[in-house]
Amino acid sequence: MRLTTSVLLAALATAGVARAAEIPAFKPVRSDEDYGYLGDVSDRTGLDPLRYIRLGDGVHLGLGGEARLRIDAIDAPRFGLGGEKADTFALGRLLLSGDLHLGSAVRVYGELGLHRDLGKRDAPSATDRDRLDAQVLFVDVAPAEGWRVRLGRQELQLNPTQRFIAVREAPNIRQSFDGVRLTHMMGDLKLDAFYLQPVAISPGAFDDTRNHGQRFYGLYASKRLSRRQTLDLYALGLERDGVRFGKVTGDERRASLGARLAGTRGAVDYEAEGVVQGGRFAGRRIRAFAASAGGGYTLDRPWKPRLGLRLDLGSGDKDPTDGKLGTFNPMFPKGGYFNETGLMSWGNLVALRPSLGVTPRKNVSLEASYTVRRRWTGDDAIYLQPLVPLTLAGADRAKDAGDAVQLDGSWQVNRNFKLQTQLVHQAAGPSVRAQDGRAVDLAVLFAQFRF
């Protein structure tokens, strides 16, 4: 606790020294950042000297890091089921990275992570606590122009939305994978092929290993159709051993085929993604799908009001005795995609979300939204993130899972320091109330410093 607090205070004290106008914004995956341009900058200020340290001809080292504090106040975790009580706690994250470039063909990148939960009533979850460990550690080799082979522990982001393949930013510990990834860039086309295993978190120091019971592989293509429009096509495979759906436990072999289209046209922005899934689970055929479509219209008025609407669908299992599994598996979803309660996942879901956002200042944004949440079928469970059943399938067939009212705020104080907050009131639907569940109120504050 003392370490995380000290780092955060030091970050706040130095947050004002960065040159926001000259340096690009930080990326969700820090290893995607390129500070090679600093080699030609002589008047570096603030923390710039740490981002580019010349070690020799064609060789340089970059140092970076992050200190993040998340504070949660929630009155009924998991809808208060199982005797869950109100709690207020903090989650602290400290990441320190080193980025060594050995000419243009070889790169070694490493990131150490230290994670702590502070004042939490219940036992820490799997993504709350970890002693010093390798969050990221890989070697990049570029055998030819436009080609890259990445081997080792890495984070994976294939599109900005991160619906089903995410870095898992909202929880304390981000999602890492061990394995190999091949990337080819050819003009406006980017191709990725990978074979990875998710990292299994252990609470000790330097003891995180790959999950031997899971394998994740696939092909992902992203093509910029124009300056304002992008099309993605992908084929993914996920193998999991000894998992459970409903009352059945077995091995899951699931294939996903998907497409995503995103773009802007004048004041309108739009984005749509669809996935179909097949395969086998415990002798049953998998037949599942998910779809998302949304967009917004930004008015040419003070504060730039944006009216948004989004529909998200994830299939559920209508009949556990028909030899088929219809529950959609979101694979490695973005934890805060719906909201920070974690009470909503893609399995067996229908969610409609109208929203209104404003930008009072260039670095300040506010948004109010209302999410109508239903089950795709009353014969399947309500699922929490990432795919944990909250209710028993068929225990109550009511489809109303509980609507949510949400307020979000973000303030980019300067390039290095950011504050975010979220207030959520999540109602309890009939099937939750039937088990003595109740509505949930959550307040979250993020304070994040990066360099």
Protein backbone atom coordinates (compact mmCIF):
# COMPACT_ATOMS: atom_id res chain seq x y z
CA MET A 1 0.00 0.00 0.00
CA ARG A 2 2.81 2.41 0.91
CA LEU A 3 4.60 1.70 -2.37
CA THR A 4 1.53 2.33 -4.55
CA THR A 5 0.58 5.47 -2.63
CA SER A 6 4.12 6.88 -2.82
CA VAL A 7 4.34 6.29 -6.55
CA LEU A 8 0.95 7.90 -7.14
CA LEU A 9 1.90 10.99 -5.10
CA ALA A 10 5.16 11.30 -7.02
CA ALA A 11 3.25 10.98 -10.27
CA LEU A 12 0.87 13.76 -9.28
CA ALA A 13 3.78 16.01 -8.35
CA THR A 14 5.43 15.63 -11.75
CA ALA A 15 2.32 15.43 -13.93
CA GLY A 16 2.60 18.97 -15.22
CA VAL A 17 5.94 18.68 -16.99
CA ALA A 18 4.94 16.84 -20.18
CA ARG A 19 4.61 18.63 -23.51
CA ALA A 20 1.05 17.59 -24.48
CA ALA A 21 1.10 19.46 -27.78
CA GLU A 22 4.26 17.78 -29.13
CA ILE A 23 3.99 14.16 -27.99
CA PRO A 24 1.26 11.75 -29.15
CA ALA A 25 -1.26 10.35 -26.70
CA PHE A 26 -0.54 7.09 -24.91
CA LYS A 27 -1.92 3.93 -26.49
CA PRO A 28 -4.00 1.22 -24.76
CA VAL A 29 -1.16 -1.24 -25.38
CA ARG A 30 1.99 0.58 -24.30
CA SER A 31 4.29 -1.61 -26.39
CA ASP A 32 2.59 -0.18 -29.52
CA GLU A 33 4.08 3.25 -28.82
CA ASP A 34 7.06 4.44 -30.85
CA TYR A 35 9.39 7.11 -29.43
CA GLY A 36 12.08 6.84 -32.09
CA TYR A 37 11.35 10.42 -33.17
CA LEU A 38 12.91 11.67 -29.92
CA GLY A 39 16.29 10.72 -31.32
CA ASP A 40 16.13 13.88 -33.43
CA VAL A 41 14.87 16.14 -30.61
CA SER A 42 17.62 18.01 -28.79
CA ASP A 43 15.54 20.11 -26.37
CA ARG A 44 13.83 17.28 -24.51
CA THR A 45 11.97 18.35 -21.39
CA GLY A 46 10.08 16.67 -18.57
CA LEU A 47 10.29 12.89 -18.79
CA ASP A 48 11.34 12.79 -22.46
CA PRO A 49 14.94 11.77 -21.65
CA LEU A 50 13.63 8.51 -20.16
CA ARG A 51 11.70 7.61 -23.30
CA TYR A 52 14.78 7.66 -25.54
CA ILE A 53 18.23 6.81 -24.15
CA ARG A 54 20.87 6.41 -26.89
CA LEU A 55 23.18 3.48 -26.13
CA GLY A 56 25.09 3.27 -29.39
CA ASP A 57 24.80 3.37 -33.13
CA GLY A 58 21.21 2.27 -33.88
CA VAL A 59 20.66 1.11 -30.31
CA HIS A 60 18.40 2.88 -27.82
CA LEU A 61 16.42 2.16 -24.66
CA GLY A 62 13.09 3.60 -23.59
CA LEU A 63 11.73 3.58 -20.04
CA GLY A 64 8.05 4.03 -19.17
CA GLY A 65 5.49 3.26 -16.57
CA GLU A 66 2.11 3.71 -15.00
CA ALA A 67 0.69 4.19 -11.52
CA ARG A 68 -3.07 3.73 -11.25
CA LEU A 69 -5.42 3.85 -8.29
CA ARG A 70 -9.01 2.65 -8.61
CA ILE A 71 -11.46 3.35 -5.75
CA ASP A 72 -14.78 1.47 -5.64
CA ALA A 73 -17.80 2.04 -3.42
CA ILE A 74 -20.56 -0.52 -3.99
CA ASP A 75 -23.57 -1.25 -1.80
CA ALA A 76 -24.54 -4.71 -3.11
CA PRO A 77 -21.84 -6.73 -4.91
CA ARG A 78 -23.39 -9.44 -7.14
CA PHE A 79 -26.82 -7.96 -6.39
CA GLY A 80 -26.27 -8.81 -2.71
CA LEU A 81 -26.71 -12.54 -3.42
CA GLY A 82 -25.00 -14.99 -1.10
CA GLY A 83 -24.82 -12.47 1.72
CA GLU A 84 -22.60 -10.03 -0.16
CA LYS A 85 -22.34 -6.76 1.77
CA ALA A 86 -21.51 -3.16 0.95
CA ASP A 87 -17.82 -2.44 0.47
CA THR A 88 -15.44 0.43 -0.24
CA PHE A 89 -11.93 -0.44 -1.34
CA ALA A 90 -9.06 0.53 -3.60
CA LEU A 91 -7.01 -1.30 -6.22
CA GLY A 92 -3.45 -0.16 -6.90
CA ARG A 93 -1.45 -0.91 -10.04
CA LEU A 94 2.22 -0.14 -10.72
CA LEU A 95 3.79 -0.94 -14.11
CA LEU A 96 7.39 -0.22 -15.17
CA SER A 97 8.61 -0.93 -18.69
CA GLY A 98 11.86 -1.14 -20.64
CA ASP A 99 11.98 -1.01 -24.45
CA LEU A 100 15.33 -1.95 -26.02
CA HIS A 101 15.82 -1.49 -29.78
CA LEU A 102 18.83 -3.28 -31.28
CA GLY A 103 18.84 -1.66 -34.69
CA SER A 104 15.73 -1.86 -36.85
CA ALA A 105 15.39 -5.66 -36.84
CA VAL A 106 15.39 -6.70 -33.17
CA ARG A 107 13.49 -5.35 -30.20
CA VAL A 108 13.17 -6.57 -26.59
CA TYR A 109 10.28 -5.23 -24.52
CA GLY A 110 9.54 -5.98 -20.86
CA GLU A 111 7.04 -4.71 -18.33
CA LEU A 112 7.01 -5.49 -14.60
CA GLY A 113 3.75 -5.27 -12.70
CA LEU A 114 2.86 -4.96 -9.02
CA HIS A 115 -0.83 -5.11 -8.03
CA ARG A 116 -2.55 -4.71 -4.67
CA ASP A 117 -6.07 -4.55 -3.26
CA LEU A 118 -6.44 -2.11 -0.36
CA GLY A 119 -9.14 -2.43 2.30
CA LYS A 120 -11.28 -4.98 0.48
CA ARG A 121 -13.79 -6.80 2.69
CA ASP A 122 -13.86 -10.03 0.68
CA ALA A 123 -10.97 -12.16 -0.47
CA PRO A 124 -9.24 -10.66 -3.53
CA SER A 125 -10.45 -11.83 -6.91
CA ALA A 126 -8.09 -13.40 -9.44
CA THR A 127 -7.48 -10.02 -11.11
CA ASP A 128 -6.95 -7.96 -7.91
CA ARG A 129 -3.61 -8.96 -6.41
CA ASP A 130 -0.21 -10.07 -7.67
CA ARG A 131 3.30 -9.56 -6.38
CA LEU A 132 6.07 -8.40 -8.69
CA ASP A 133 5.75 -10.32 -11.94
CA ALA A 134 6.36 -10.07 -15.68
CA GLN A 135 3.25 -8.48 -17.14
CA VAL A 136 4.84 -8.34 -20.61
CA LEU A 137 8.11 -9.80 -21.92
CA PHE A 138 8.67 -10.43 -25.61
CA VAL A 139 11.18 -10.30 -28.44
CA ASP A 140 10.31 -8.76 -31.82
CA VAL A 141 12.17 -9.77 -34.95
CA ALA A 142 11.62 -8.00 -38.28
CA PRO A 143 13.05 -10.34 -40.96
CA ALA A 144 11.92 -8.09 -43.83
CA GLU A 145 10.15 -4.81 -44.41
CA GLY A 146 6.52 -5.01 -43.31
CA TRP A 147 7.00 -8.28 -41.40
CA ARG A 148 7.26 -8.82 -37.63
CA VAL A 149 7.47 -11.94 -35.47
CA ARG A 150 6.67 -11.47 -31.77
CA LEU A 151 7.57 -14.24 -29.34
CA GLY A 152 6.83 -14.23 -25.61
CA ARG A 153 4.38 -12.63 -23.17
CA GLN A 154 2.28 -9.93 -24.79
CA GLU A 155 -0.99 -8.01 -24.71
CA LEU A 156 -3.42 -8.23 -27.60
CA GLN A 157 -5.59 -5.50 -29.09
CA LEU A 158 -6.82 -6.03 -32.64
CA ASN A 159 -9.38 -3.21 -32.92
CA PRO A 160 -10.25 -0.09 -30.89
CA THR A 161 -13.56 -1.44 -29.55
CA GLN A 162 -11.96 -4.48 -27.84
CA ARG A 163 -15.30 -6.26 -27.43
CA PHE A 164 -14.05 -9.83 -27.54
CA ILE A 165 -10.25 -9.48 -27.47
CA ALA A 166 -9.25 -6.91 -24.88
CA VAL A 167 -6.37 -5.81 -22.70
CA ARG A 168 -8.80 -5.92 -19.74
CA GLU A 169 -8.03 -2.39 -18.61
CA ALA A 170 -10.88 -2.00 -16.12
CA PRO A 171 -9.79 -4.70 -13.61
CA ASN A 172 -6.55 -4.27 -11.73
CA ILE A 173 -4.49 -6.86 -13.64
CA ARG A 174 -4.54 -6.64 -17.42
CA GLN A 175 -4.83 -9.68 -19.70
CA SER A 176 -1.57 -11.09 -21.05
CA PHE A 177 -0.86 -14.05 -23.32
CA ASP A 178 2.17 -16.28 -23.88
CA GLY A 179 2.92 -17.38 -27.42
CA VAL A 180 3.76 -16.20 -30.91
CA ARG A 181 2.24 -13.56 -33.20
CA LEU A 182 3.08 -12.84 -36.82
CA THR A 183 2.16 -9.42 -38.25
CA HIS A 184 2.37 -8.25 -41.86
CA MET A 185 1.75 -4.65 -42.95
CA MET A 186 1.07 -4.00 -46.63
CA GLY A 187 -0.17 -0.50 -47.35
CA ASP A 188 -3.63 -0.08 -45.80
CA LEU A 189 -3.87 -3.82 -45.01
CA LYS A 190 -2.73 -5.36 -41.73
CA LEU A 191 -2.68 -9.14 -41.21
CA ASP A 192 -2.17 -10.91 -37.88
CA ALA A 193 -1.74 -14.62 -37.20
CA PHE A 194 -1.24 -15.85 -33.65
CA TYR A 195 -1.13 -18.85 -31.34
CA LEU A 196 -1.39 -17.85 -27.67
CA GLN A 197 -2.25 -19.11 -24.22
CA PRO A 198 -3.71 -16.72 -21.59
CA VAL A 199 -1.53 -16.06 -18.56
CA ALA A 200 -2.80 -17.64 -15.34
CA ILE A 201 -2.28 -15.24 -12.43
CA SER A 202 -0.72 -16.54 -9.23
CA PRO A 203 -0.40 -14.22 -6.18
CA GLY A 204 3.32 -14.82 -5.58
CA ALA A 205 6.34 -13.15 -7.16
CA PHE A 206 7.42 -14.22 -10.65
CA ASP A 207 5.11 -17.24 -10.64
CA ASP A 208 2.58 -16.36 -13.35
CA THR A 209 2.52 -19.03 -16.06
CA ARG A 210 0.49 -19.72 -19.17
CA ASN A 211 -2.82 -21.50 -18.72
CA HIS A 212 -2.11 -25.00 -20.04
CA GLY A 213 -5.84 -25.73 -20.25
CA GLN A 214 -6.54 -22.97 -22.82
CA ARG A 215 -5.34 -22.25 -26.35
CA PHE A 216 -6.30 -19.21 -28.43
CA TYR A 217 -5.33 -18.86 -32.08
CA GLY A 218 -6.54 -17.16 -35.21
CA LEU A 219 -6.21 -14.90 -38.23
CA TYR A 220 -7.22 -11.22 -38.19
CA ALA A 221 -7.26 -8.87 -41.19
CA SER A 222 -7.87 -5.12 -40.99
CA LYS A 223 -8.24 -3.03 -44.15
CA ARG A 224 -8.64 0.74 -44.33
CA LEU A 225 -11.21 1.16 -47.09
CA SER A 226 -10.87 4.93 -47.05
CA ARG A 227 -9.63 7.69 -44.79
CA ARG A 228 -12.82 7.37 -42.74
CA GLN A 229 -13.78 3.70 -42.98
CA THR A 230 -12.21 0.40 -41.82
CA LEU A 231 -13.24 -3.23 -42.39
CA ASP A 232 -12.03 -6.14 -40.24
CA LEU A 233 -12.45 -9.87 -40.96
CA TYR A 234 -11.34 -12.63 -38.60
CA ALA A 235 -11.35 -16.34 -37.80
CA LEU A 236 -10.57 -17.37 -34.22
CA GLY A 237 -10.22 -20.63 -32.35
CA LEU A 238 -10.58 -21.11 -28.60
CA GLU A 239 -9.93 -24.39 -26.80
CA ARG A 240 -10.70 -24.74 -23.09
CA ASP A 241 -10.43 -27.89 -21.00
CA GLY A 242 -12.79 -28.78 -18.15
CA VAL A 243 -15.17 -25.79 -18.35
CA ARG A 244 -18.80 -25.67 -17.29
CA PHE A 245 -21.98 -24.54 -18.99
CA GLY A 246 -25.13 -25.03 -16.91
CA LYS A 247 -24.85 -28.39 -15.16
CA VAL A 248 -22.48 -29.88 -17.74
CA THR A 249 -18.67 -29.90 -17.48
CA GLY A 250 -16.46 -30.78 -20.42
CA ASP A 251 -13.94 -29.62 -23.00
CA GLU A 252 -14.84 -26.69 -25.25
CA ARG A 253 -13.60 -26.41 -28.83
CA ARG A 254 -15.08 -23.23 -30.28
CA ALA A 255 -14.49 -21.47 -33.60
CA SER A 256 -15.56 -17.86 -34.24
CA LEU A 257 -15.99 -16.11 -37.59
CA GLY A 258 -16.53 -12.36 -37.45
CA ALA A 259 -16.56 -9.05 -39.27
CA ARG A 260 -16.47 -5.44 -38.15
CA LEU A 261 -17.14 -2.21 -40.07
CA ALA A 262 -16.46 1.23 -38.57
CA GLY A 263 -16.30 4.73 -39.90
CA THR A 264 -17.53 8.31 -39.95
CA ARG A 265 -19.44 10.43 -42.42
CA GLY A 266 -19.75 14.07 -41.59
CA ALA A 267 -21.28 14.39 -38.12
CA VAL A 268 -22.23 10.71 -38.03
CA ASP A 269 -20.07 7.91 -36.60
CA TYR A 270 -21.03 4.25 -36.90
CA GLU A 271 -19.72 0.81 -36.04
CA ALA A 272 -21.08 -2.74 -36.39
CA GLU A 273 -19.68 -6.18 -35.57
CA GLY A 274 -21.07 -9.68 -35.91
CA VAL A 275 -19.74 -13.10 -34.84
CA VAL A 276 -20.98 -16.64 -35.42
CA GLN A 277 -19.62 -19.54 -33.38
CA GLY A 278 -19.50 -23.27 -33.96
CA GLY A 279 -17.65 -26.25 -32.53
CA ARG A 280 -18.18 -28.84 -29.82
CA PHE A 281 -18.66 -28.87 -26.07
CA ALA A 282 -18.95 -32.11 -24.07
CA GLY A 283 -20.42 -33.91 -27.08
CA ARG A 284 -22.83 -31.08 -27.90
CA ARG A 285 -22.69 -28.90 -31.02
CA ILE A 286 -22.03 -25.20 -30.47
CA ARG A 287 -24.34 -22.86 -32.38
CA ALA A 288 -24.02 -19.31 -31.03
CA PHE A 289 -23.72 -15.73 -32.22
CA ALA A 290 -23.28 -12.12 -31.13
CA ALA A 291 -23.91 -8.80 -32.85
CA SER A 292 -23.43 -5.14 -32.05
CA ALA A 293 -24.52 -2.08 -34.00
CA GLY A 294 -24.29 1.51 -32.91
CA GLY A 295 -23.47 5.03 -33.81
CA GLY A 296 -23.86 8.64 -32.94
CA TYR A 297 -24.56 12.10 -34.25
CA THR A 298 -22.45 15.03 -33.03
CA LEU A 299 -24.19 18.41 -33.15
CA ASP A 300 -22.31 21.49 -34.25
CA ARG A 301 -23.11 23.31 -31.02
CA PRO A 302 -21.20 24.43 -27.92
CA TRP A 303 -19.93 21.42 -25.92
CA LYS A 304 -20.39 19.26 -29.08
CA PRO A 305 -23.36 17.17 -27.86
CA ARG A 306 -23.34 13.61 -29.20
CA LEU A 307 -26.51 11.53 -29.37
CA GLY A 308 -25.67 7.84 -29.34
CA LEU A 309 -27.50 4.53 -29.63
CA ARG A 310 -26.11 0.99 -29.42
CA LEU A 311 -27.68 -2.48 -29.59
CA ASP A 312 -25.75 -5.52 -28.30
CA LEU A 313 -26.93 -9.11 -28.71
CA GLY A 314 -25.47 -12.38 -27.43
CA SER A 315 -27.23 -15.71 -27.90
CA GLY A 316 -28.32 -17.99 -25.08
CA ASP A 317 -29.11 -21.69 -24.80
CA LYS A 318 -32.83 -22.28 -25.32
CA ASP A 319 -32.90 -26.02 -24.61
CA PRO A 320 -30.21 -27.84 -22.57
CA THR A 321 -31.50 -31.22 -23.79
CA ASP A 322 -31.37 -30.69 -27.58
CA GLY A 323 -27.70 -31.63 -28.06
CA LYS A 324 -26.68 -28.05 -28.87
CA LEU A 325 -25.05 -25.26 -26.85
CA GLY A 326 -26.37 -21.83 -27.81
CA THR A 327 -24.62 -19.67 -25.20
CA PHE A 328 -22.24 -17.17 -26.80
CA ASN A 329 -18.70 -17.10 -25.40
CA PRO A 330 -17.15 -13.58 -25.58
CA MET A 331 -13.65 -15.13 -25.26
CA PHE A 332 -11.54 -12.33 -23.68
CA PRO A 333 -14.00 -9.42 -23.42
CA LYS A 334 -13.51 -5.83 -22.41
CA GLY A 335 -14.44 -5.79 -18.72
CA GLY A 336 -15.89 -2.28 -18.64
CA TYR A 337 -17.65 -2.45 -22.01
CA PHE A 338 -21.12 -2.17 -20.43
CA ASN A 339 -20.17 -0.64 -17.07
CA GLU A 340 -17.77 -1.17 -14.18
CA THR A 341 -20.15 -3.31 -12.06
CA GLY A 342 -19.18 -6.48 -13.94
CA LEU A 343 -22.84 -7.53 -13.70
CA MET A 344 -23.38 -7.82 -17.44
CA SER A 345 -21.76 -10.18 -19.92
CA TRP A 346 -22.36 -11.10 -23.55
CA GLY A 347 -23.82 -14.55 -22.91
CA ASN A 348 -27.64 -14.63 -23.26
CA LEU A 349 -27.96 -10.87 -23.63
CA VAL A 350 -30.04 -8.19 -25.30
CA ALA A 351 -28.94 -4.65 -24.39
CA LEU A 352 -30.08 -1.34 -25.83
CA ARG A 353 -28.15 1.76 -24.76
CA PRO A 354 -29.13 5.33 -25.69
CA SER A 355 -26.65 7.99 -24.54
CA LEU A 356 -25.93 11.72 -24.50
CA GLY A 357 -22.37 12.96 -24.32
CA VAL A 358 -20.89 16.43 -24.13
CA THR A 359 -17.39 17.92 -24.24
CA PRO A 360 -17.32 21.11 -22.14
CA ARG A 361 -13.58 21.44 -22.79
CA LYS A 362 -11.17 19.71 -25.13
CA ASN A 363 -9.86 17.53 -22.30
CA VAL A 364 -13.15 16.98 -20.42
CA SER A 365 -15.99 14.66 -21.45
CA LEU A 366 -19.29 13.73 -19.78
CA GLU A 367 -21.85 11.13 -20.76
CA ALA A 368 -25.23 9.97 -19.44
CA SER A 369 -26.72 6.68 -20.62
CA TYR A 370 -29.54 4.25 -19.93
CA THR A 371 -29.14 0.53 -20.66
CA VAL A 372 -32.18 -1.66 -21.18
CA ARG A 373 -31.05 -5.19 -20.38
CA ARG A 374 -32.88 -8.42 -21.23
CA ARG A 375 -32.04 -12.09 -21.53
CA TRP A 376 -32.05 -13.54 -25.05
CA THR A 377 -33.91 -16.54 -23.65
CA GLY A 378 -35.42 -17.16 -20.24
CA ASP A 379 -34.15 -20.75 -20.37
CA ASP A 380 -30.52 -19.69 -19.93
CA ALA A 381 -28.81 -17.95 -17.02
CA ILE A 382 -27.88 -14.32 -16.39
CA TYR A 383 -24.11 -14.07 -16.83
CA LEU A 384 -21.56 -11.84 -15.12
CA GLN A 385 -18.23 -10.86 -16.68
CA PRO A 386 -16.59 -12.63 -18.36
CA LEU A 387 -19.03 -15.58 -18.53
CA VAL A 388 -19.97 -16.54 -14.96
CA PRO A 389 -23.60 -17.63 -14.37
CA LEU A 390 -25.33 -15.52 -11.74
CA THR A 391 -28.67 -17.36 -11.81
CA LEU A 392 -29.54 -20.96 -12.51
CA ALA A 393 -30.73 -21.63 -16.04
CA GLY A 394 -34.50 -22.04 -16.03
CA ALA A 395 -34.89 -21.08 -12.36
CA ASP A 396 -36.99 -18.09 -13.39
CA ARG A 397 -37.92 -17.52 -17.04
CA ALA A 398 -38.44 -13.74 -16.78
CA LYS A 399 -36.30 -12.02 -19.40
CA ASP A 400 -36.00 -8.64 -17.65
CA ALA A 401 -32.52 -8.72 -16.14
CA GLY A 402 -32.54 -5.14 -14.80
CA ASP A 403 -31.90 -1.78 -16.45
CA ALA A 404 -29.01 0.51 -15.61
CA VAL A 405 -28.60 4.30 -15.35
CA GLN A 406 -25.04 5.50 -15.78
CA LEU A 407 -22.99 8.71 -15.61
CA ASP A 408 -19.40 8.83 -16.88
CA GLY A 409 -16.83 11.60 -16.62
CA SER A 410 -13.26 11.94 -17.87
CA TRP A 411 -10.67 14.69 -17.37
CA GLN A 412 -7.31 14.49 -19.13
CA VAL A 413 -5.53 16.86 -16.76
CA ASN A 414 -2.45 16.80 -18.99
CA ARG A 415 -0.76 14.23 -21.16
CA ASN A 416 0.46 12.20 -18.19
CA PHE A 417 -2.38 12.39 -15.70
CA LYS A 418 -6.02 11.37 -16.15
CA LEU A 419 -9.05 11.22 -13.88
CA GLN A 420 -12.15 9.15 -14.64
CA THR A 421 -15.33 8.47 -12.71
CA GLN A 422 -18.48 6.41 -13.15
CA LEU A 423 -21.76 6.30 -11.23
CA VAL A 424 -24.12 3.39 -11.88
CA HIS A 425 -27.53 2.38 -10.60
CA GLN A 426 -28.20 -1.20 -11.71
CA ALA A 427 -31.75 -2.40 -11.12
CA ALA A 428 -32.47 -6.02 -10.22
CA GLY A 429 -34.73 -7.87 -12.62
CA PRO A 430 -37.45 -10.38 -11.58
CA SER A 431 -35.16 -13.41 -11.80
CA VAL A 432 -32.62 -11.69 -9.53
CA ARG A 433 -35.25 -10.53 -7.04
CA ALA A 434 -36.64 -14.08 -6.93
CA GLN A 435 -33.35 -15.09 -5.32
CA ASP A 436 -33.50 -12.17 -2.87
CA GLY A 437 -31.20 -10.01 -4.97
CA ARG A 438 -31.52 -6.24 -4.93
CA ALA A 439 -30.48 -3.18 -6.93
CA VAL A 440 -26.83 -2.12 -7.02
CA ASP A 441 -25.31 1.35 -6.68
CA LEU A 442 -21.68 1.79 -7.65
CA ALA A 443 -19.28 4.75 -7.64
CA VAL A 444 -15.81 4.35 -9.20
CA LEU A 445 -12.89 6.76 -9.42
CA PHE A 446 -9.73 6.18 -11.47
CA ALA A 447 -6.54 8.22 -11.03
CA GLN A 448 -3.93 7.25 -13.61
CA PHE A 449 -0.45 8.57 -14.27
CA ARG A 450 1.58 7.44 -17.28
CA PHE A 451 4.97 8.34 -18.68
